[in-house]
Amino acid sequence: MDEYKNDYQIVEMFLSRDRSAIECTEKHYGKRLMGLAKRFLSDIRDAEECVSDTYLKAWNSIPPQKPDDLFSYLARLCRCTAYNIIEKQQTAKRSAQLVELTHEMEECIPDPSKSSSTDDKFISALLNEFLDTLPRDKCDIFVKRYWFGESVEQIASETGFTTSKIKTTLHRTRAKLRKFLEKKGVQT
């Protein structure tokens, strides 16, 4: 059975409030979600809590949500949960990884507190449009870094590129994103 059929069946289980939906979700996506959580959280217990909270959030949000791509939906919930755990643990002192990622993206994504003309859905749509213009390898590098929070070293190891090439690619891609957003009328 391919992933799409699994997604559809699991989502249907959530929609019908079948408690085994969580068990099936864990079976199909537990390892991937745990890997994602561990990239953000250094403590294994925090990662386990994050994944567990992700399942609860999925249970509470499906319905009314009916995701077409269940793993992407779960990954988003997991990332947000990990950020919340980091925020809760270190209100004064941010996670170095989160600060680094935020700093990198500040140069091209507008600060919502400084601009009322941009909203998250609009920026998200433009970001997806931009990613569609990138060659596959550059898109993958960008997504690994800014969606999955992988380190430059991890991406280099996975792709076979040097860390220098990854850093250069990310820098140039952020510059292209900034120009793309400016052309679309978004002030950074």
Protein backbone atom coordinates (compact mmCIF):
# COMPACT_ATOMS: atom_id res chain seq x y z
CA MET A 1 0.00 0.00 0.00
CA ASP A 2 1.50 3.35 -0.94
CA GLU A 3 1.80 6.32 1.40
CA TYR A 4 -1.16 8.15 -0.18
CA LYS A 5 -3.51 5.27 0.58
CA ASN A 6 -2.13 5.03 4.11
CA ASP A 7 -2.64 8.78 4.57
CA TYR A 8 -6.20 8.61 3.29
CA GLN A 9 -7.10 5.66 5.50
CA ILE A 10 -5.51 7.15 8.61
CA VAL A 11 -7.19 10.51 8.04
CA GLU A 12 -10.51 8.72 7.66
CA MET A 13 -9.87 6.99 10.99
CA PHE A 14 -9.26 10.38 12.61
CA LEU A 15 -12.41 11.78 11.02
CA SER A 16 -14.50 8.89 12.33
CA ARG A 17 -12.85 9.34 15.78
CA ASP A 18 -11.38 5.83 15.66
CA ARG A 19 -8.82 5.68 18.49
CA SER A 20 -6.59 3.34 16.49
CA ALA A 21 -5.76 6.31 14.23
CA ILE A 22 -3.03 7.31 16.69
CA GLU A 23 -1.59 3.79 16.69
CA CYS A 24 -1.54 3.67 12.88
CA THR A 25 0.00 7.14 12.73
CA GLU A 26 2.72 6.06 15.12
CA LYS A 27 3.37 2.90 13.12
CA HIS A 28 3.68 4.74 9.79
CA TYR A 29 5.28 8.03 10.83
CA GLY A 30 6.63 7.62 14.37
CA LYS A 31 10.29 7.18 13.41
CA ARG A 32 10.25 10.12 11.00
CA LEU A 33 8.53 12.38 13.54
CA MET A 34 10.97 11.32 16.26
CA GLY A 35 13.89 12.12 13.94
CA LEU A 36 12.41 15.54 13.25
CA ALA A 37 11.82 16.24 16.95
CA LYS A 38 15.38 15.17 17.84
CA ARG A 39 16.80 17.69 15.34
CA PHE A 40 15.27 20.48 17.42
CA LEU A 41 15.35 19.04 20.93
CA SER A 42 18.54 17.75 22.51
CA ASP A 43 16.86 15.63 25.20
CA ILE A 44 15.30 12.35 24.04
CA ARG A 45 12.51 12.71 26.63
CA ASP A 46 11.63 16.11 25.20
CA ALA A 47 11.58 14.62 21.69
CA GLU A 48 9.29 11.82 22.89
CA GLU A 49 7.01 14.38 24.58
CA CYS A 50 7.00 16.42 21.37
CA VAL A 51 5.93 13.46 19.25
CA SER A 52 3.30 12.45 21.79
CA ASP A 53 1.93 16.00 21.81
CA THR A 54 1.94 15.94 18.01
CA TYR A 55 -0.38 12.92 18.04
CA LEU A 56 -2.68 14.68 20.52
CA LYS A 57 -2.74 17.84 18.40
CA ALA A 58 -3.56 15.76 15.32
CA TRP A 59 -6.39 14.06 17.22
CA ASN A 60 -7.76 17.43 18.32
CA SER A 61 -7.46 19.10 14.91
CA ILE A 62 -8.69 16.31 12.59
CA PRO A 63 -11.58 17.11 12.17
CA PRO A 64 -12.13 19.91 11.27
CA GLN A 65 -8.86 19.72 9.31
CA LYS A 66 -8.62 17.04 6.62
CA PRO A 67 -5.00 17.02 5.43
CA ASP A 68 -4.20 15.65 1.99
CA ASP A 69 -0.58 15.00 2.94
CA LEU A 70 -0.68 13.60 6.45
CA PHE A 71 3.07 13.51 7.06
CA SER A 72 3.51 17.17 6.08
CA TYR A 73 0.66 18.08 8.40
CA LEU A 74 2.15 16.05 11.24
CA ALA A 75 5.63 17.47 10.59
CA ARG A 76 4.25 21.00 10.87
CA LEU A 77 2.55 20.13 14.15
CA CYS A 78 5.76 18.50 15.39
CA ARG A 79 7.91 21.50 14.48
CA CYS A 80 5.52 23.92 16.19
CA THR A 81 5.42 21.68 19.25
CA ALA A 82 9.22 21.51 19.37
CA TYR A 83 9.41 25.30 19.14
CA ASN A 84 6.89 25.56 21.98
CA ILE A 85 8.95 23.19 24.13
CA ILE A 86 12.10 25.20 23.45
CA GLU A 87 10.23 28.41 24.22
CA LYS A 88 8.90 27.00 27.49
CA GLN A 89 12.28 25.68 28.61
CA GLN A 90 14.35 28.67 27.66
CA THR A 91 12.29 31.82 27.81
CA ALA A 92 15.33 34.00 28.37
CA LYS A 93 17.87 31.90 26.55
CA ARG A 94 16.89 30.67 23.10
CA SER A 95 18.08 27.47 21.49
CA ALA A 96 21.20 28.24 19.44
CA GLN A 97 19.79 26.37 16.45
CA LEU A 98 16.50 28.27 16.49
CA VAL A 99 18.26 31.62 16.80
CA GLU A 100 20.59 30.72 13.94
CA LEU A 101 17.72 29.72 11.64
CA THR A 102 15.70 32.79 12.58
CA HIS A 103 18.66 35.08 11.99
CA GLU A 104 19.30 33.54 8.56
CA MET A 105 15.71 34.05 7.45
CA GLU A 106 15.34 37.58 8.88
CA GLU A 107 17.18 38.94 5.87
CA CYS A 108 14.43 37.87 3.47
CA ILE A 109 11.16 37.25 5.36
CA PRO A 110 9.45 40.39 6.73
CA ASP A 111 8.89 40.87 10.45
CA PRO A 112 5.10 40.76 10.91
CA SER A 113 5.33 43.25 13.79
CA LYS A 114 6.77 45.85 11.41
CA SER A 115 4.31 45.33 8.58
CA SER A 116 0.58 44.90 8.68
CA SER A 117 0.32 44.28 4.94
CA THR A 118 1.71 40.77 5.02
CA ASP A 119 0.06 37.77 6.57
CA ASP A 120 1.30 34.23 7.11
CA LYS A 121 -0.86 32.64 4.39
CA PHE A 122 0.24 35.20 1.82
CA ILE A 123 3.93 34.75 2.68
CA SER A 124 3.47 30.97 2.72
CA ALA A 125 1.92 31.01 -0.76
CA LEU A 126 4.75 33.19 -2.08
CA LEU A 127 7.34 30.94 -0.45
CA ASN A 128 5.81 27.88 -2.14
CA GLU A 129 5.75 29.75 -5.46
CA PHE A 130 9.43 30.64 -5.00
CA LEU A 131 10.40 27.06 -4.12
CA ASP A 132 8.74 25.87 -7.33
CA THR A 133 11.20 28.04 -9.29
CA LEU A 134 14.28 26.42 -7.76
CA PRO A 135 16.19 23.47 -9.18
CA ARG A 136 15.42 20.30 -7.20
CA ASP A 137 18.77 20.13 -5.39
CA LYS A 138 18.62 23.76 -4.21
CA CYS A 139 15.00 23.37 -3.15
CA ASP A 140 15.87 20.23 -1.17
CA ILE A 141 18.75 22.00 0.59
CA PHE A 142 16.55 24.98 1.46
CA VAL A 143 13.71 22.78 2.77
CA LYS A 144 16.07 20.57 4.78
CA ARG A 145 17.52 23.65 6.44
CA TYR A 146 14.47 25.83 7.05
CA TRP A 147 11.61 23.33 7.27
CA PHE A 148 13.28 20.34 8.90
CA GLY A 149 15.92 22.38 10.78
CA GLU A 150 18.86 20.25 9.70
CA SER A 151 22.34 21.57 10.31
CA VAL A 152 24.59 22.55 7.42
CA GLU A 153 26.80 19.58 8.32
CA GLN A 154 23.85 17.14 8.17
CA ILE A 155 22.77 18.46 4.78
CA ALA A 156 26.34 18.21 3.46
CA SER A 157 26.57 14.63 4.66
CA GLU A 158 23.23 13.69 3.08
CA THR A 159 23.89 15.40 -0.26
CA GLY A 160 27.60 14.72 -0.65
CA PHE A 161 28.32 18.45 -1.05
CA THR A 162 30.85 20.31 1.08
CA THR A 163 29.62 22.46 3.96
CA SER A 164 30.99 25.45 2.09
CA LYS A 165 28.83 24.65 -0.94
CA ILE A 166 25.76 24.22 1.29
CA LYS A 167 26.38 27.57 3.01
CA THR A 168 26.89 29.31 -0.33
CA THR A 169 23.78 27.71 -1.82
CA LEU A 170 21.69 28.76 1.20
CA HIS A 171 23.06 32.31 1.11
CA ARG A 172 22.35 32.70 -2.61
CA THR A 173 18.91 31.12 -2.27
CA ARG A 174 17.99 33.52 0.55
CA ALA A 175 19.17 36.44 -1.61
CA LYS A 176 17.00 35.18 -4.50
CA LEU A 177 14.06 34.79 -2.11
CA ARG A 178 14.49 38.37 -0.88
CA LYS A 179 14.49 39.68 -4.48
CA PHE A 180 11.51 37.46 -5.36
CA LEU A 181 9.50 38.80 -2.40
CA GLU A 182 10.44 42.38 -3.21
CA LYS A 183 9.20 41.90 -6.79
CA LYS A 184 5.93 40.60 -5.33
CA GLY A 185 5.62 43.77 -3.24
CA VAL A 186 6.71 42.36 0.11
CA GLN A 187 9.02 44.67 2.02
CA THR A 188 11.69 42.91 4.09
